[in-house]
Amino acid sequence: MSLSLDATQLDRYSRHIIMDEVGPEGQKRLLDGRALIVGAGGLGAPVIQYLAAAGVGHLGIVDDDVVERSNLQRQVIHADADVGKPKVESAKAFVERLNPDVDVEAYEMRLDPDDVEDVVAGYDVVVDASDNFPTRYMLNDACRIAEVPIAHGAIYKFEGQLTTLSPDGPCYRCLFPEAPEPGTVPDCATTGVLGVLPGTVGCIQATEAVKLLLDDGDPLVGRLLFYDAMDMTFETVPYQRRPDCPVCGEDAVDTVEGIEYTGGCTVGD
């Protein structure tokens, strides 16, 4: 790996380079890194913003939605002029304005079992900034098969939860064996969400992604972090791999083909 950084990069990333934990070698790892962000909304916006600013050299962004005015209260990479545009286009334009070192691959699509394994292939880390259970389980399964780590986050009103799913740790199905039945968990459009909440949660996801790319620090593997913005508290709950987990257990599946990501998103039923 060449450590050559030009004068502009030495200036741009100087606060990384002077850190013993990062240095020029670590910054080059970030510039060579490939991160896939699934969702360019409330959580994805700060993730995209900070990974681009940090100099992660290739960002893949997946989203099939368009920017709506009601998004602007929390989705900080989009602006009023972007209303009606695909979120991946708005996000790509934002990154290009922020940091010319970063290449963006835009996937204007909703992931499904036929394409998710192809999309995650070749990425060093995936950030799950999605807003629905089928996508969360599908990403978990595909990334576990591909041995790609995930920085996962979720939000609800004033609360957030985060964990990191590494190839050698427990997976999302170890934590939540089945998804809630559709319609039983209300979304932001129904219950609302504090505008600054996804900023906090998304920044932690971005931090986890950077640590994974640097191969440094202690990620949230086997730990679920709860954040309550109203009480301003953080609580960490440990969890372990389940031997009977269908995705990371003793008889793990080797493809997402045939898994039905509806209802409880269970495997083999």
C-alpha atoms as a PDB file:
ATOM      1  CA  MET A   1       0.000   0.000   0.000  1.00  0.00           C
ATOM      2  CA  SER A   2       1.500   3.305  -1.102  1.00  0.00           C
ATOM      3  CA  LEU A   3       1.459   5.991   1.593  1.00  0.00           C
ATOM      4  CA  SER A   4       1.789   8.888  -0.841  1.00  0.00           C
ATOM      5  CA  LEU A   5      -0.537  11.750   0.098  1.00  0.00           C
ATOM      6  CA  ASP A   6      -0.420  14.976  -1.873  1.00  0.00           C
ATOM      7  CA  ALA A   7      -0.084  18.403  -0.271  1.00  0.00           C
ATOM      8  CA  THR A   8      -3.824  19.048  -0.321  1.00  0.00           C
ATOM      9  CA  GLN A   9      -4.545  15.734   1.381  1.00  0.00           C
ATOM     10  CA  LEU A  10      -1.851  16.339   3.996  1.00  0.00           C
ATOM     11  CA  ASP A  11      -3.608  19.602   4.792  1.00  0.00           C
ATOM     12  CA  ARG A  12      -7.171  18.258   4.625  1.00  0.00           C
ATOM     13  CA  TYR A  13      -6.497  15.255   6.859  1.00  0.00           C
ATOM     14  CA  SER A  14      -3.834  16.832   9.073  1.00  0.00           C
ATOM     15  CA  ARG A  15      -5.822  16.304  12.277  1.00  0.00           C
ATOM     16  CA  HIS A  16      -5.959  12.597  11.493  1.00  0.00           C
ATOM     17  CA  ILE A  17      -2.359  12.356  10.413  1.00  0.00           C
ATOM     18  CA  ILE A  18      -0.953  13.828  13.641  1.00  0.00           C
ATOM     19  CA  MET A  19      -2.798  11.183  15.697  1.00  0.00           C
ATOM     20  CA  ASP A  20      -0.689   8.137  16.592  1.00  0.00           C
ATOM     21  CA  GLU A  21      -3.819   5.969  16.252  1.00  0.00           C
ATOM     22  CA  VAL A  22      -4.381   7.064  12.639  1.00  0.00           C
ATOM     23  CA  GLY A  23      -1.313   8.657  11.071  1.00  0.00           C
ATOM     24  CA  PRO A  24      -0.603   8.658   7.329  1.00  0.00           C
ATOM     25  CA  GLU A  25      -0.984   4.871   7.182  1.00  0.00           C
ATOM     26  CA  GLY A  26      -4.453   5.001   8.714  1.00  0.00           C
ATOM     27  CA  GLN A  27      -5.532   7.855   6.484  1.00  0.00           C
ATOM     28  CA  LYS A  28      -4.406   5.887   3.458  1.00  0.00           C
ATOM     29  CA  ARG A  29      -6.492   2.961   4.725  1.00  0.00           C
ATOM     30  CA  LEU A  30      -9.507   5.256   4.824  1.00  0.00           C
ATOM     31  CA  LEU A  31      -8.820   6.607   1.351  1.00  0.00           C
ATOM     32  CA  ASP A  32      -8.556   3.033   0.067  1.00  0.00           C
ATOM     33  CA  GLY A  33     -11.646   1.982   2.038  1.00  0.00           C
ATOM     34  CA  ARG A  34     -15.033   1.064   0.615  1.00  0.00           C
ATOM     35  CA  ALA A  35     -18.171   1.648   2.687  1.00  0.00           C
ATOM     36  CA  LEU A  36     -21.754   0.867   1.665  1.00  0.00           C
ATOM     37  CA  ILE A  37     -24.447   2.997   3.308  1.00  0.00           C
ATOM     38  CA  VAL A  38     -27.938   1.552   3.025  1.00  0.00           C
ATOM     39  CA  GLY A  39     -30.348   4.445   3.452  1.00  0.00           C
ATOM     40  CA  ALA A  40     -29.740   8.127   2.700  1.00  0.00           C
ATOM     41  CA  GLY A  41     -32.287   9.453   5.185  1.00  0.00           C
ATOM     42  CA  GLY A  42     -32.087  10.431   8.842  1.00  0.00           C
ATOM     43  CA  LEU A  43     -29.355   7.978   9.851  1.00  0.00           C
ATOM     44  CA  GLY A  44     -27.645   7.798   6.477  1.00  0.00           C
ATOM     45  CA  ALA A  45     -27.242  11.576   6.197  1.00  0.00           C
ATOM     46  CA  PRO A  46     -24.746  12.052   9.066  1.00  0.00           C
ATOM     47  CA  VAL A  47     -23.033   8.770   8.175  1.00  0.00           C
ATOM     48  CA  ILE A  48     -22.488   9.934   4.594  1.00  0.00           C
ATOM     49  CA  GLN A  49     -21.410  13.396   5.749  1.00  0.00           C
ATOM     50  CA  TYR A  50     -18.789  12.196   8.222  1.00  0.00           C
ATOM     51  CA  LEU A  51     -17.421   9.276   6.225  1.00  0.00           C
ATOM     52  CA  ALA A  52     -16.944  11.600   3.251  1.00  0.00           C
ATOM     53  CA  ALA A  53     -15.296  14.240   5.436  1.00  0.00           C
ATOM     54  CA  ALA A  54     -13.005  11.580   6.934  1.00  0.00           C
ATOM     55  CA  GLY A  55     -11.829  10.644   3.453  1.00  0.00           C
ATOM     56  CA  VAL A  56     -13.320   7.179   3.027  1.00  0.00           C
ATOM     57  CA  GLY A  57     -12.438   6.888  -0.627  1.00  0.00           C
ATOM     58  CA  HIS A  58     -15.418   4.977  -2.016  1.00  0.00           C
ATOM     59  CA  LEU A  59     -18.970   5.285  -0.753  1.00  0.00           C
ATOM     60  CA  GLY A  60     -21.837   3.213  -2.081  1.00  0.00           C
ATOM     61  CA  ILE A  61     -25.239   4.719  -1.273  1.00  0.00           C
ATOM     62  CA  VAL A  62     -28.460   2.709  -1.559  1.00  0.00           C
ATOM     63  CA  ASP A  63     -31.904   4.332  -1.471  1.00  0.00           C
ATOM     64  CA  ASP A  64     -34.999   4.224  -3.679  1.00  0.00           C
ATOM     65  CA  ASP A  65     -36.751   7.271  -2.218  1.00  0.00           C
ATOM     66  CA  VAL A  66     -36.932  10.941  -3.212  1.00  0.00           C
ATOM     67  CA  VAL A  67     -36.311  13.958  -1.005  1.00  0.00           C
ATOM     68  CA  GLU A  68     -39.449  15.333   0.631  1.00  0.00           C
ATOM     69  CA  ARG A  69     -39.722  18.617   2.487  1.00  0.00           C
ATOM     70  CA  SER A  70     -40.632  16.774   5.691  1.00  0.00           C
ATOM     71  CA  ASN A  71     -37.201  15.061   5.504  1.00  0.00           C
ATOM     72  CA  LEU A  72     -35.299  18.310   5.909  1.00  0.00           C
ATOM     73  CA  GLN A  73     -35.895  18.554   9.676  1.00  0.00           C
ATOM     74  CA  ARG A  74     -33.300  15.786  10.174  1.00  0.00           C
ATOM     75  CA  GLN A  75     -31.758  14.640   6.879  1.00  0.00           C
ATOM     76  CA  VAL A  76     -28.964  17.194   6.880  1.00  0.00           C
ATOM     77  CA  ILE A  77     -27.280  16.417   3.548  1.00  0.00           C
ATOM     78  CA  HIS A  78     -30.435  17.350   1.614  1.00  0.00           C
ATOM     79  CA  ALA A  79     -31.712  20.902   1.036  1.00  0.00           C
ATOM     80  CA  ASP A  80     -34.902  22.601  -0.050  1.00  0.00           C
ATOM     81  CA  ALA A  81     -33.640  22.716  -3.628  1.00  0.00           C
ATOM     82  CA  ASP A  82     -33.352  18.903  -3.582  1.00  0.00           C
ATOM     83  CA  VAL A  83     -37.047  18.257  -2.907  1.00  0.00           C
ATOM     84  CA  GLY A  84     -38.318  15.805  -5.521  1.00  0.00           C
ATOM     85  CA  LYS A  85     -34.848  14.521  -6.448  1.00  0.00           C
ATOM     86  CA  PRO A  86     -33.757  10.945  -5.763  1.00  0.00           C
ATOM     87  CA  LYS A  87     -31.970  10.858  -2.423  1.00  0.00           C
ATOM     88  CA  VAL A  88     -28.978   9.042  -3.920  1.00  0.00           C
ATOM     89  CA  GLU A  89     -28.506  11.876  -6.427  1.00  0.00           C
ATOM     90  CA  SER A  90     -28.771  14.537  -3.740  1.00  0.00           C
ATOM     91  CA  ALA A  91     -26.380  12.589  -1.501  1.00  0.00           C
ATOM     92  CA  LYS A  92     -23.857  12.105  -4.304  1.00  0.00           C
ATOM     93  CA  ALA A  93     -23.900  15.822  -5.130  1.00  0.00           C
ATOM     94  CA  PHE A  94     -23.381  16.651  -1.443  1.00  0.00           C
ATOM     95  CA  VAL A  95     -20.333  14.387  -1.202  1.00  0.00           C
ATOM     96  CA  GLU A  96     -18.848  15.783  -4.412  1.00  0.00           C
ATOM     97  CA  ARG A  97     -19.107  19.305  -2.991  1.00  0.00           C
ATOM     98  CA  LEU A  98     -17.603  18.237   0.319  1.00  0.00           C
ATOM     99  CA  ASN A  99     -14.629  16.108  -0.688  1.00  0.00           C
ATOM    100  CA  PRO A 100     -13.273  15.475  -4.202  1.00  0.00           C
ATOM    101  CA  ASP A 101     -11.235  12.539  -2.886  1.00  0.00           C
ATOM    102  CA  VAL A 102     -14.406  10.453  -2.478  1.00  0.00           C
ATOM    103  CA  ASP A 103     -16.010   8.456  -5.283  1.00  0.00           C
ATOM    104  CA  VAL A 104     -19.721   7.740  -4.902  1.00  0.00           C
ATOM    105  CA  GLU A 105     -21.603   4.841  -6.432  1.00  0.00           C
ATOM    106  CA  ALA A 106     -25.341   5.521  -6.300  1.00  0.00           C
ATOM    107  CA  TYR A 107     -27.784   2.609  -6.175  1.00  0.00           C
ATOM    108  CA  GLU A 108     -31.288   3.984  -6.746  1.00  0.00           C
ATOM    109  CA  MET A 109     -33.034   0.813  -5.669  1.00  0.00           C
ATOM    110  CA  ARG A 110     -34.544  -1.140  -2.800  1.00  0.00           C
ATOM    111  CA  LEU A 111     -32.442  -4.173  -1.971  1.00  0.00           C
ATOM    112  CA  ASP A 112     -34.009  -7.588  -2.461  1.00  0.00           C
ATOM    113  CA  PRO A 113     -32.735 -11.163  -2.092  1.00  0.00           C
ATOM    114  CA  ASP A 114     -31.864 -11.349  -5.788  1.00  0.00           C
ATOM    115  CA  ASP A 115     -29.339  -8.504  -5.684  1.00  0.00           C
ATOM    116  CA  VAL A 116     -28.232  -7.897  -2.086  1.00  0.00           C
ATOM    117  CA  GLU A 117     -25.314 -10.340  -2.187  1.00  0.00           C
ATOM    118  CA  ASP A 118     -23.955  -8.764  -5.377  1.00  0.00           C
ATOM    119  CA  VAL A 119     -24.293  -5.243  -3.952  1.00  0.00           C
ATOM    120  CA  VAL A 120     -22.478  -5.901  -0.660  1.00  0.00           C
ATOM    121  CA  ALA A 121     -19.677  -7.848  -2.365  1.00  0.00           C
ATOM    122  CA  GLY A 122     -16.465  -5.873  -2.545  1.00  0.00           C
ATOM    123  CA  TYR A 123     -17.230  -3.499   0.328  1.00  0.00           C
ATOM    124  CA  ASP A 124     -15.116  -3.409   3.478  1.00  0.00           C
ATOM    125  CA  VAL A 125     -17.948  -2.308   5.762  1.00  0.00           C
ATOM    126  CA  VAL A 126     -21.702  -1.803   5.500  1.00  0.00           C
ATOM    127  CA  VAL A 127     -23.620   0.809   7.469  1.00  0.00           C
ATOM    128  CA  ASP A 128     -27.236  -0.192   8.037  1.00  0.00           C
ATOM    129  CA  ALA A 129     -29.138   3.093   8.044  1.00  0.00           C
ATOM    130  CA  SER A 130     -32.354   1.490   6.810  1.00  0.00           C
ATOM    131  CA  ASP A 131     -35.783   2.020   8.328  1.00  0.00           C
ATOM    132  CA  ASN A 132     -37.436  -1.390   7.974  1.00  0.00           C
ATOM    133  CA  PHE A 133     -36.962  -4.895   9.362  1.00  0.00           C
ATOM    134  CA  PRO A 134     -36.819  -6.861   6.084  1.00  0.00           C
ATOM    135  CA  THR A 135     -33.811  -4.813   4.936  1.00  0.00           C
ATOM    136  CA  ARG A 136     -32.090  -5.187   8.315  1.00  0.00           C
ATOM    137  CA  TYR A 137     -32.432  -8.969   8.294  1.00  0.00           C
ATOM    138  CA  MET A 138     -31.482  -9.220   4.628  1.00  0.00           C
ATOM    139  CA  LEU A 139     -28.336  -7.132   5.168  1.00  0.00           C
ATOM    140  CA  ASN A 140     -27.424  -9.170   8.221  1.00  0.00           C
ATOM    141  CA  ASP A 141     -27.741 -12.425   6.301  1.00  0.00           C
ATOM    142  CA  ALA A 142     -25.935 -11.280   3.142  1.00  0.00           C
ATOM    143  CA  CYS A 143     -23.095  -9.619   5.037  1.00  0.00           C
ATOM    144  CA  ARG A 144     -22.599 -12.587   7.336  1.00  0.00           C
ATOM    145  CA  ILE A 145     -22.300 -14.861   4.294  1.00  0.00           C
ATOM    146  CA  ALA A 146     -19.882 -12.390   2.638  1.00  0.00           C
ATOM    147  CA  GLU A 147     -17.971 -11.835   5.924  1.00  0.00           C
ATOM    148  CA  VAL A 148     -18.518  -8.064   5.797  1.00  0.00           C
ATOM    149  CA  PRO A 149     -19.072  -6.203   9.098  1.00  0.00           C
ATOM    150  CA  ILE A 150     -22.127  -3.992   9.663  1.00  0.00           C
ATOM    151  CA  ALA A 151     -22.523  -0.854  11.760  1.00  0.00           C
ATOM    152  CA  HIS A 152     -26.222  -1.027  12.631  1.00  0.00           C
ATOM    153  CA  GLY A 153     -28.431   1.734  13.976  1.00  0.00           C
ATOM    154  CA  ALA A 154     -32.141   2.323  14.544  1.00  0.00           C
ATOM    155  CA  ILE A 155     -34.182   5.210  15.958  1.00  0.00           C
ATOM    156  CA  TYR A 156     -37.618   5.751  17.481  1.00  0.00           C
ATOM    157  CA  LYS A 157     -38.966   9.127  18.672  1.00  0.00           C
ATOM    158  CA  PHE A 158     -36.338  10.079  21.315  1.00  0.00           C
ATOM    159  CA  GLU A 159     -34.430   6.783  21.422  1.00  0.00           C
ATOM    160  CA  GLY A 160     -31.717   5.043  19.448  1.00  0.00           C
ATOM    161  CA  GLN A 161     -29.998   1.684  19.482  1.00  0.00           C
ATOM    162  CA  LEU A 162     -26.745   0.576  17.912  1.00  0.00           C
ATOM    163  CA  THR A 163     -24.596  -2.508  17.537  1.00  0.00           C
ATOM    164  CA  THR A 164     -21.801  -3.736  15.289  1.00  0.00           C
ATOM    165  CA  LEU A 165     -22.091  -7.107  13.579  1.00  0.00           C
ATOM    166  CA  SER A 166     -18.695  -8.586  12.778  1.00  0.00           C
ATOM    167  CA  PRO A 167     -18.035 -11.857  10.925  1.00  0.00           C
ATOM    168  CA  ASP A 168     -16.656 -13.442  14.113  1.00  0.00           C
ATOM    169  CA  GLY A 169     -19.324 -12.152  16.515  1.00  0.00           C
ATOM    170  CA  PRO A 170     -23.048 -12.650  17.059  1.00  0.00           C
ATOM    171  CA  CYS A 171     -25.376 -11.492  14.286  1.00  0.00           C
ATOM    172  CA  TYR A 172     -28.628  -9.545  14.216  1.00  0.00           C
ATOM    173  CA  ARG A 173     -30.637 -12.770  14.367  1.00  0.00           C
ATOM    174  CA  CYS A 174     -28.839 -13.724  17.585  1.00  0.00           C
ATOM    175  CA  LEU A 175     -30.113 -10.480  19.054  1.00  0.00           C
ATOM    176  CA  PHE A 176     -33.571 -10.529  17.475  1.00  0.00           C
ATOM    177  CA  PRO A 177     -34.438 -14.049  16.219  1.00  0.00           C
ATOM    178  CA  GLU A 178     -37.641 -12.824  14.551  1.00  0.00           C
ATOM    179  CA  ALA A 179     -38.914  -9.501  13.267  1.00  0.00           C
ATOM    180  CA  PRO A 180     -42.080  -7.956  14.702  1.00  0.00           C
ATOM    181  CA  GLU A 181     -45.165  -8.569  12.634  1.00  0.00           C
ATOM    182  CA  PRO A 182     -45.670  -5.881   9.956  1.00  0.00           C
ATOM    183  CA  GLY A 183     -47.598  -2.900  11.271  1.00  0.00           C
ATOM    184  CA  THR A 184     -46.880  -3.554  14.945  1.00  0.00           C
ATOM    185  CA  VAL A 185     -43.957  -1.092  15.146  1.00  0.00           C
ATOM    186  CA  PRO A 186     -44.935   2.437  14.019  1.00  0.00           C
ATOM    187  CA  ASP A 187     -42.577   4.429  11.805  1.00  0.00           C
ATOM    188  CA  CYS A 188     -41.368   8.037  11.972  1.00  0.00           C
ATOM    189  CA  ALA A 189     -44.159   9.221   9.699  1.00  0.00           C
ATOM    190  CA  THR A 190     -46.669   7.943  12.247  1.00  0.00           C
ATOM    191  CA  THR A 191     -45.002   8.767  15.579  1.00  0.00           C
ATOM    192  CA  GLY A 192     -42.496  11.491  14.666  1.00  0.00           C
ATOM    193  CA  VAL A 193     -38.810  11.657  15.550  1.00  0.00           C
ATOM    194  CA  LEU A 194     -36.657  14.262  17.289  1.00  0.00           C
ATOM    195  CA  GLY A 195     -34.732  15.922  14.480  1.00  0.00           C
ATOM    196  CA  VAL A 196     -31.331  15.807  16.165  1.00  0.00           C
ATOM    197  CA  LEU A 197     -31.648  12.158  17.282  1.00  0.00           C
ATOM    198  CA  PRO A 198     -30.459  10.535  14.032  1.00  0.00           C
ATOM    199  CA  GLY A 199     -27.489  12.899  14.076  1.00  0.00           C
ATOM    200  CA  THR A 200     -26.265  11.390  17.333  1.00  0.00           C
ATOM    201  CA  VAL A 201     -26.970   7.797  16.326  1.00  0.00           C
ATOM    202  CA  GLY A 202     -25.621   8.225  12.791  1.00  0.00           C
ATOM    203  CA  CYS A 203     -22.397   9.781  14.085  1.00  0.00           C
ATOM    204  CA  ILE A 204     -21.839   6.751  16.313  1.00  0.00           C
ATOM    205  CA  GLN A 205     -22.436   4.470  13.324  1.00  0.00           C
ATOM    206  CA  ALA A 206     -19.892   6.479  11.324  1.00  0.00           C
ATOM    207  CA  THR A 207     -17.434   6.181  14.218  1.00  0.00           C
ATOM    208  CA  GLU A 208     -17.861   2.408  14.244  1.00  0.00           C
ATOM    209  CA  ALA A 209     -17.337   2.271  10.464  1.00  0.00           C
ATOM    210  CA  VAL A 210     -14.124   4.300  10.698  1.00  0.00           C
ATOM    211  CA  LYS A 211     -12.816   2.048  13.494  1.00  0.00           C
ATOM    212  CA  LEU A 212     -13.570  -1.018  11.386  1.00  0.00           C
ATOM    213  CA  LEU A 213     -11.770   0.451   8.373  1.00  0.00           C
ATOM    214  CA  LEU A 214      -8.785   1.377  10.542  1.00  0.00           C
ATOM    215  CA  ASP A 215      -8.926  -2.026  12.275  1.00  0.00           C
ATOM    216  CA  ASP A 216      -8.511  -0.230  15.580  1.00  0.00           C
ATOM    217  CA  GLY A 217     -10.466   0.382  18.765  1.00  0.00           C
ATOM    218  CA  ASP A 218     -13.192  -1.735  20.361  1.00  0.00           C
ATOM    219  CA  PRO A 219     -16.355  -1.846  18.204  1.00  0.00           C
ATOM    220  CA  LEU A 220     -19.810  -2.623  19.588  1.00  0.00           C
ATOM    221  CA  VAL A 221     -19.530  -6.332  18.762  1.00  0.00           C
ATOM    222  CA  GLY A 222     -21.770  -8.377  21.039  1.00  0.00           C
ATOM    223  CA  ARG A 223     -23.017  -5.194  22.688  1.00  0.00           C
ATOM    224  CA  LEU A 224     -26.273  -3.321  22.117  1.00  0.00           C
ATOM    225  CA  LEU A 225     -26.043   0.375  22.943  1.00  0.00           C
ATOM    226  CA  PHE A 226     -29.246   2.168  23.961  1.00  0.00           C
ATOM    227  CA  TYR A 227     -29.419   5.967  23.792  1.00  0.00           C
ATOM    228  CA  ASP A 228     -32.217   7.977  25.413  1.00  0.00           C
ATOM    229  CA  ALA A 229     -32.102  11.605  24.299  1.00  0.00           C
ATOM    230  CA  MET A 230     -34.711  12.755  26.824  1.00  0.00           C
ATOM    231  CA  ASP A 231     -32.796  11.404  29.827  1.00  0.00           C
ATOM    232  CA  MET A 232     -29.407  11.825  28.090  1.00  0.00           C
ATOM    233  CA  THR A 233     -28.361   8.323  29.072  1.00  0.00           C
ATOM    234  CA  PHE A 234     -26.447   5.524  27.394  1.00  0.00           C
ATOM    235  CA  GLU A 235     -26.798   1.893  28.415  1.00  0.00           C
ATOM    236  CA  THR A 236     -24.932  -1.101  27.004  1.00  0.00           C
ATOM    237  CA  VAL A 237     -26.373  -4.623  27.087  1.00  0.00           C
ATOM    238  CA  PRO A 238     -24.185  -7.605  26.096  1.00  0.00           C
ATOM    239  CA  TYR A 239     -25.505 -10.421  23.922  1.00  0.00           C
ATOM    240  CA  GLN A 240     -24.019 -13.634  22.582  1.00  0.00           C
ATOM    241  CA  ARG A 241     -24.088 -15.816  19.501  1.00  0.00           C
ATOM    242  CA  ARG A 242     -26.846 -18.443  19.483  1.00  0.00           C
ATOM    243  CA  PRO A 243     -25.601 -21.919  18.520  1.00  0.00           C
ATOM    244  CA  ASP A 244     -28.894 -22.555  16.715  1.00  0.00           C
ATOM    245  CA  CYS A 245     -28.823 -19.276  14.784  1.00  0.00           C
ATOM    246  CA  PRO A 246     -29.670 -20.124  11.158  1.00  0.00           C
ATOM    247  CA  VAL A 247     -27.200 -17.562   9.803  1.00  0.00           C
ATOM    248  CA  CYS A 248     -24.164 -17.727  12.094  1.00  0.00           C
ATOM    249  CA  GLY A 249     -24.800 -20.947  14.041  1.00  0.00           C
ATOM    250  CA  GLU A 250     -23.673 -24.519  13.492  1.00  0.00           C
ATOM    251  CA  ASP A 251     -25.919 -25.128  10.460  1.00  0.00           C
ATOM    252  CA  ALA A 252     -25.710 -21.708   8.860  1.00  0.00           C
ATOM    253  CA  VAL A 253     -27.176 -20.957   5.440  1.00  0.00           C
ATOM    254  CA  ASP A 254     -24.794 -20.022   2.634  1.00  0.00           C
ATOM    255  CA  THR A 255     -27.125 -17.866   0.508  1.00  0.00           C
ATOM    256  CA  VAL A 256     -30.104 -15.563   0.987  1.00  0.00           C
ATOM    257  CA  GLU A 257     -31.854 -17.152  -1.985  1.00  0.00           C
ATOM    258  CA  GLY A 258     -35.099 -18.707  -0.856  1.00  0.00           C
ATOM    259  CA  ILE A 259     -35.342 -16.721   2.389  1.00  0.00           C
ATOM    260  CA  GLU A 260     -38.693 -14.947   2.631  1.00  0.00           C
ATOM    261  CA  TYR A 261     -38.186 -11.477   4.079  1.00  0.00           C
ATOM    262  CA  THR A 262     -41.803 -10.928   5.099  1.00  0.00           C
ATOM    263  CA  GLY A 263     -43.609 -11.445   8.382  1.00  0.00           C
ATOM    264  CA  GLY A 264     -41.059 -12.553  10.955  1.00  0.00           C
ATOM    265  CA  CYS A 265     -38.199 -12.771   8.391  1.00  0.00           C
ATOM    266  CA  THR A 266     -37.466 -16.290   9.643  1.00  0.00           C
ATOM    267  CA  VAL A 267     -35.185 -18.775   7.906  1.00  0.00           C
ATOM    268  CA  GLY A 268     -36.416 -22.226   6.954  1.00  0.00           C
ATOM    269  CA  ASP A 269     -40.094 -21.779   7.817  1.00  0.00           C
END
